[in-house]
Every structure is written in structure tokens, then in C-alpha cells.
Amino acid sequence: MGEPPPLVDPRRWGSLIGLIGGLVFIDIYSFVLGAAVSAGAWMVGVVLVLAALFAHYVRPVALGPHARPRPLALAIYCVCVVGEFALIALGSRSAARSGSGRGVISW
């Protein structure tokens, strides 16, 4: 089986979940750091999402045929997920301490 076209490649679509999640993370937690930092985080986040979309769909590079992930790739993925939960917990505690209840997840 060869490589699917970019518009229907599940590897490209799967990465959109992370891009959307990153913007949600910025929305929920950046306001605690002040308006200037929040605006800067939004600008950087949107630029990075647009760059990823450009790389995925406008100027895509070949990803090769589908292959089973190697154990190291799965380990890196798991570390990233644990790190994400740790950052969410840290952001929630910071938001709770600042007195803002917007988007705070109680752990």
C-alpha cells in the first residue's frame, strides 16, 4: 500500500487534533499571565498552526507508506501525553490561585 493523498492521509488529519488542542490550551490558560502575554501567545499559536497547515496541505512532503510505530515513538508519545496533563494541572492551579475561575479544571 502506498502513501494516501495529503487531503485524506489520517496522519495529517490526526495532527489537527493537537493543533486545535494547542489553541484551546492558549485560550484557557494564557489570560492568567496578562493581556500582553496572552495576545503574544495567541499570535504565536495562530502563526504556528497556519505554518503546520501550510506544511500539511499546501506544500506537503511525502510521509511514506503507513507503518506501525516503533516502540520509541510510542514511548515519546506517552511522555508527551503525561507532560500535557502535568501542564494542564499546573495551569489550573495557577488560574485558581489568581482567583480566576475561567476554564479551571479541578484536579
C-alpha atoms as a PDB file:
ATOM      1  CA  MET A   1       0.000   0.000   0.000  1.00  0.00           C
ATOM      2  CA  GLY A   2       1.408   3.390  -0.986  1.00  0.00           C
ATOM      3  CA  GLU A   3       1.026   6.779   0.557  1.00  0.00           C
ATOM      4  CA  PRO A   4      -2.506   8.244   0.531  1.00  0.00           C
ATOM      5  CA  PRO A   5      -3.125  11.714  -0.930  1.00  0.00           C
ATOM      6  CA  PRO A   6      -2.436  14.532   1.582  1.00  0.00           C
ATOM      7  CA  LEU A   7      -6.080  15.567   1.940  1.00  0.00           C
ATOM      8  CA  VAL A   8      -7.130  12.108   3.129  1.00  0.00           C
ATOM      9  CA  ASP A   9      -3.966  10.972   4.935  1.00  0.00           C
ATOM     10  CA  PRO A  10      -5.021  10.096   8.520  1.00  0.00           C
ATOM     11  CA  ARG A  11      -1.569  11.022   9.828  1.00  0.00           C
ATOM     12  CA  ARG A  12      -2.095  14.597   8.686  1.00  0.00           C
ATOM     13  CA  TRP A  13      -5.666  14.728   9.975  1.00  0.00           C
ATOM     14  CA  GLY A  14      -4.589  13.256  13.301  1.00  0.00           C
ATOM     15  CA  SER A  15      -2.145  16.081  13.871  1.00  0.00           C
ATOM     16  CA  LEU A  16      -5.003  18.587  13.552  1.00  0.00           C
ATOM     17  CA  ILE A  17      -6.253  17.382  16.932  1.00  0.00           C
ATOM     18  CA  GLY A  18      -3.020  18.580  18.534  1.00  0.00           C
ATOM     19  CA  LEU A  19      -3.158  21.898  16.699  1.00  0.00           C
ATOM     20  CA  ILE A  20      -6.705  22.565  17.876  1.00  0.00           C
ATOM     21  CA  GLY A  21      -5.802  21.410  21.384  1.00  0.00           C
ATOM     22  CA  GLY A  22      -2.890  23.832  21.461  1.00  0.00           C
ATOM     23  CA  LEU A  23      -5.153  26.758  20.623  1.00  0.00           C
ATOM     24  CA  VAL A  24      -7.656  25.655  23.278  1.00  0.00           C
ATOM     25  CA  PHE A  25      -4.800  25.460  25.791  1.00  0.00           C
ATOM     26  CA  ILE A  26      -3.735  29.021  24.899  1.00  0.00           C
ATOM     27  CA  ASP A  27      -7.332  30.223  25.226  1.00  0.00           C
ATOM     28  CA  ILE A  28      -7.899  28.659  28.618  1.00  0.00           C
ATOM     29  CA  TYR A  29      -4.605  29.418  30.343  1.00  0.00           C
ATOM     30  CA  SER A  30      -2.796  32.373  28.785  1.00  0.00           C
ATOM     31  CA  PHE A  31      -5.091  35.058  30.251  1.00  0.00           C
ATOM     32  CA  VAL A  32      -3.632  34.363  33.706  1.00  0.00           C
ATOM     33  CA  LEU A  33      -0.308  35.786  32.522  1.00  0.00           C
ATOM     34  CA  GLY A  34      -1.791  39.126  31.481  1.00  0.00           C
ATOM     35  CA  ALA A  35      -3.221  40.688  28.354  1.00  0.00           C
ATOM     36  CA  ALA A  36       0.127  41.286  26.629  1.00  0.00           C
ATOM     37  CA  VAL A  37       1.399  37.735  27.147  1.00  0.00           C
ATOM     38  CA  SER A  38      -1.988  36.306  26.185  1.00  0.00           C
ATOM     39  CA  ALA A  39      -2.062  38.332  22.944  1.00  0.00           C
ATOM     40  CA  GLY A  40       1.510  37.272  22.167  1.00  0.00           C
ATOM     41  CA  ALA A  41       0.714  33.631  22.867  1.00  0.00           C
ATOM     42  CA  TRP A  42      -2.301  33.837  20.563  1.00  0.00           C
ATOM     43  CA  MET A  43      -0.247  35.393  17.766  1.00  0.00           C
ATOM     44  CA  VAL A  44       2.488  32.770  18.069  1.00  0.00           C
ATOM     45  CA  GLY A  45      -0.059  29.953  18.325  1.00  0.00           C
ATOM     46  CA  VAL A  46      -2.013  31.046  15.255  1.00  0.00           C
ATOM     47  CA  VAL A  47       1.180  31.547  13.214  1.00  0.00           C
ATOM     48  CA  LEU A  48       2.385  28.064  14.166  1.00  0.00           C
ATOM     49  CA  VAL A  49      -0.979  26.482  13.320  1.00  0.00           C
ATOM     50  CA  LEU A  50      -1.010  28.240   9.939  1.00  0.00           C
ATOM     51  CA  ALA A  51       2.573  27.079   9.294  1.00  0.00           C
ATOM     52  CA  ALA A  52       1.601  23.499  10.129  1.00  0.00           C
ATOM     53  CA  LEU A  53      -1.451  23.662   7.861  1.00  0.00           C
ATOM     54  CA  PHE A  54       0.707  25.089   5.081  1.00  0.00           C
ATOM     55  CA  ALA A  55       3.229  22.270   5.535  1.00  0.00           C
ATOM     56  CA  HIS A  56       0.478  19.640   5.688  1.00  0.00           C
ATOM     57  CA  TYR A  57      -1.668  20.653   2.766  1.00  0.00           C
ATOM     58  CA  VAL A  58      -0.134  23.423   0.611  1.00  0.00           C
ATOM     59  CA  ARG A  59       3.473  22.214   0.406  1.00  0.00           C
ATOM     60  CA  PRO A  60       3.295  18.665   1.774  1.00  0.00           C
ATOM     61  CA  VAL A  61       6.307  16.404   1.961  1.00  0.00           C
ATOM     62  CA  ALA A  62       6.000  12.680   1.449  1.00  0.00           C
ATOM     63  CA  LEU A  63       5.408  10.779   4.671  1.00  0.00           C
ATOM     64  CA  GLY A  64       5.935   7.407   3.063  1.00  0.00           C
ATOM     65  CA  PRO A  65       3.714   4.377   3.337  1.00  0.00           C
ATOM     66  CA  HIS A  66       1.849   3.621   6.522  1.00  0.00           C
ATOM     67  CA  ALA A  67       3.986   1.791   9.063  1.00  0.00           C
ATOM     68  CA  ARG A  68       3.500   0.521  12.590  1.00  0.00           C
ATOM     69  CA  PRO A  69       5.048   2.956  15.114  1.00  0.00           C
ATOM     70  CA  ARG A  70       8.273   1.809  16.696  1.00  0.00           C
ATOM     71  CA  PRO A  71       8.443   1.353  20.485  1.00  0.00           C
ATOM     72  CA  LEU A  72      10.499   4.558  20.884  1.00  0.00           C
ATOM     73  CA  ALA A  73       7.834   6.576  19.032  1.00  0.00           C
ATOM     74  CA  LEU A  74       5.129   5.196  21.310  1.00  0.00           C
ATOM     75  CA  ALA A  75       7.229   5.972  24.386  1.00  0.00           C
ATOM     76  CA  ILE A  76       7.768   9.566  23.219  1.00  0.00           C
ATOM     77  CA  TYR A  77       4.033   9.916  22.594  1.00  0.00           C
ATOM     78  CA  CYS A  78       3.238   8.666  26.106  1.00  0.00           C
ATOM     79  CA  VAL A  79       5.748  11.091  27.668  1.00  0.00           C
ATOM     80  CA  CYS A  80       4.121  13.942  25.728  1.00  0.00           C
ATOM     81  CA  VAL A  81       0.651  12.987  26.954  1.00  0.00           C
ATOM     82  CA  VAL A  82       1.853  12.835  30.575  1.00  0.00           C
ATOM     83  CA  GLY A  83       3.572  16.217  30.106  1.00  0.00           C
ATOM     84  CA  GLU A  84       0.372  17.672  28.697  1.00  0.00           C
ATOM     85  CA  PHE A  85      -1.622  16.561  31.729  1.00  0.00           C
ATOM     86  CA  ALA A  86       1.061  17.962  34.041  1.00  0.00           C
ATOM     87  CA  LEU A  87       0.947  21.343  32.278  1.00  0.00           C
ATOM     88  CA  ILE A  88      -2.853  21.392  32.429  1.00  0.00           C
ATOM     89  CA  ALA A  89      -2.723  20.705  36.167  1.00  0.00           C
ATOM     90  CA  LEU A  90      -0.077  23.400  36.663  1.00  0.00           C
ATOM     91  CA  GLY A  91      -2.093  25.919  34.643  1.00  0.00           C
ATOM     92  CA  SER A  92      -5.269  25.080  36.529  1.00  0.00           C
ATOM     93  CA  ARG A  93      -3.573  25.604  39.873  1.00  0.00           C
ATOM     94  CA  SER A  94      -2.106  28.894  38.680  1.00  0.00           C
ATOM     95  CA  ALA A  95      -5.504  30.074  37.455  1.00  0.00           C
ATOM     96  CA  ALA A  96      -7.148  29.021  40.723  1.00  0.00           C
ATOM     97  CA  ARG A  97      -4.520  30.922  42.734  1.00  0.00           C
ATOM     98  CA  SER A  98      -5.064  34.036  40.644  1.00  0.00           C
ATOM     99  CA  GLY A  99      -8.740  33.966  41.562  1.00  0.00           C
ATOM    100  CA  SER A 100      -9.948  33.367  38.040  1.00  0.00           C
ATOM    101  CA  GLY A 101     -12.376  30.533  37.602  1.00  0.00           C
ATOM    102  CA  ARG A 102     -12.446  30.686  33.800  1.00  0.00           C
ATOM    103  CA  GLY A 103     -11.616  27.312  32.336  1.00  0.00           C
ATOM    104  CA  VAL A 104     -10.157  25.965  35.553  1.00  0.00           C
ATOM    105  CA  ILE A 105     -10.163  22.188  35.809  1.00  0.00           C
ATOM    106  CA  SER A 106     -10.298  20.980  39.393  1.00  0.00           C
ATOM    107  CA  TRP A 107      -7.792  18.217  39.987  1.00  0.00           C
END
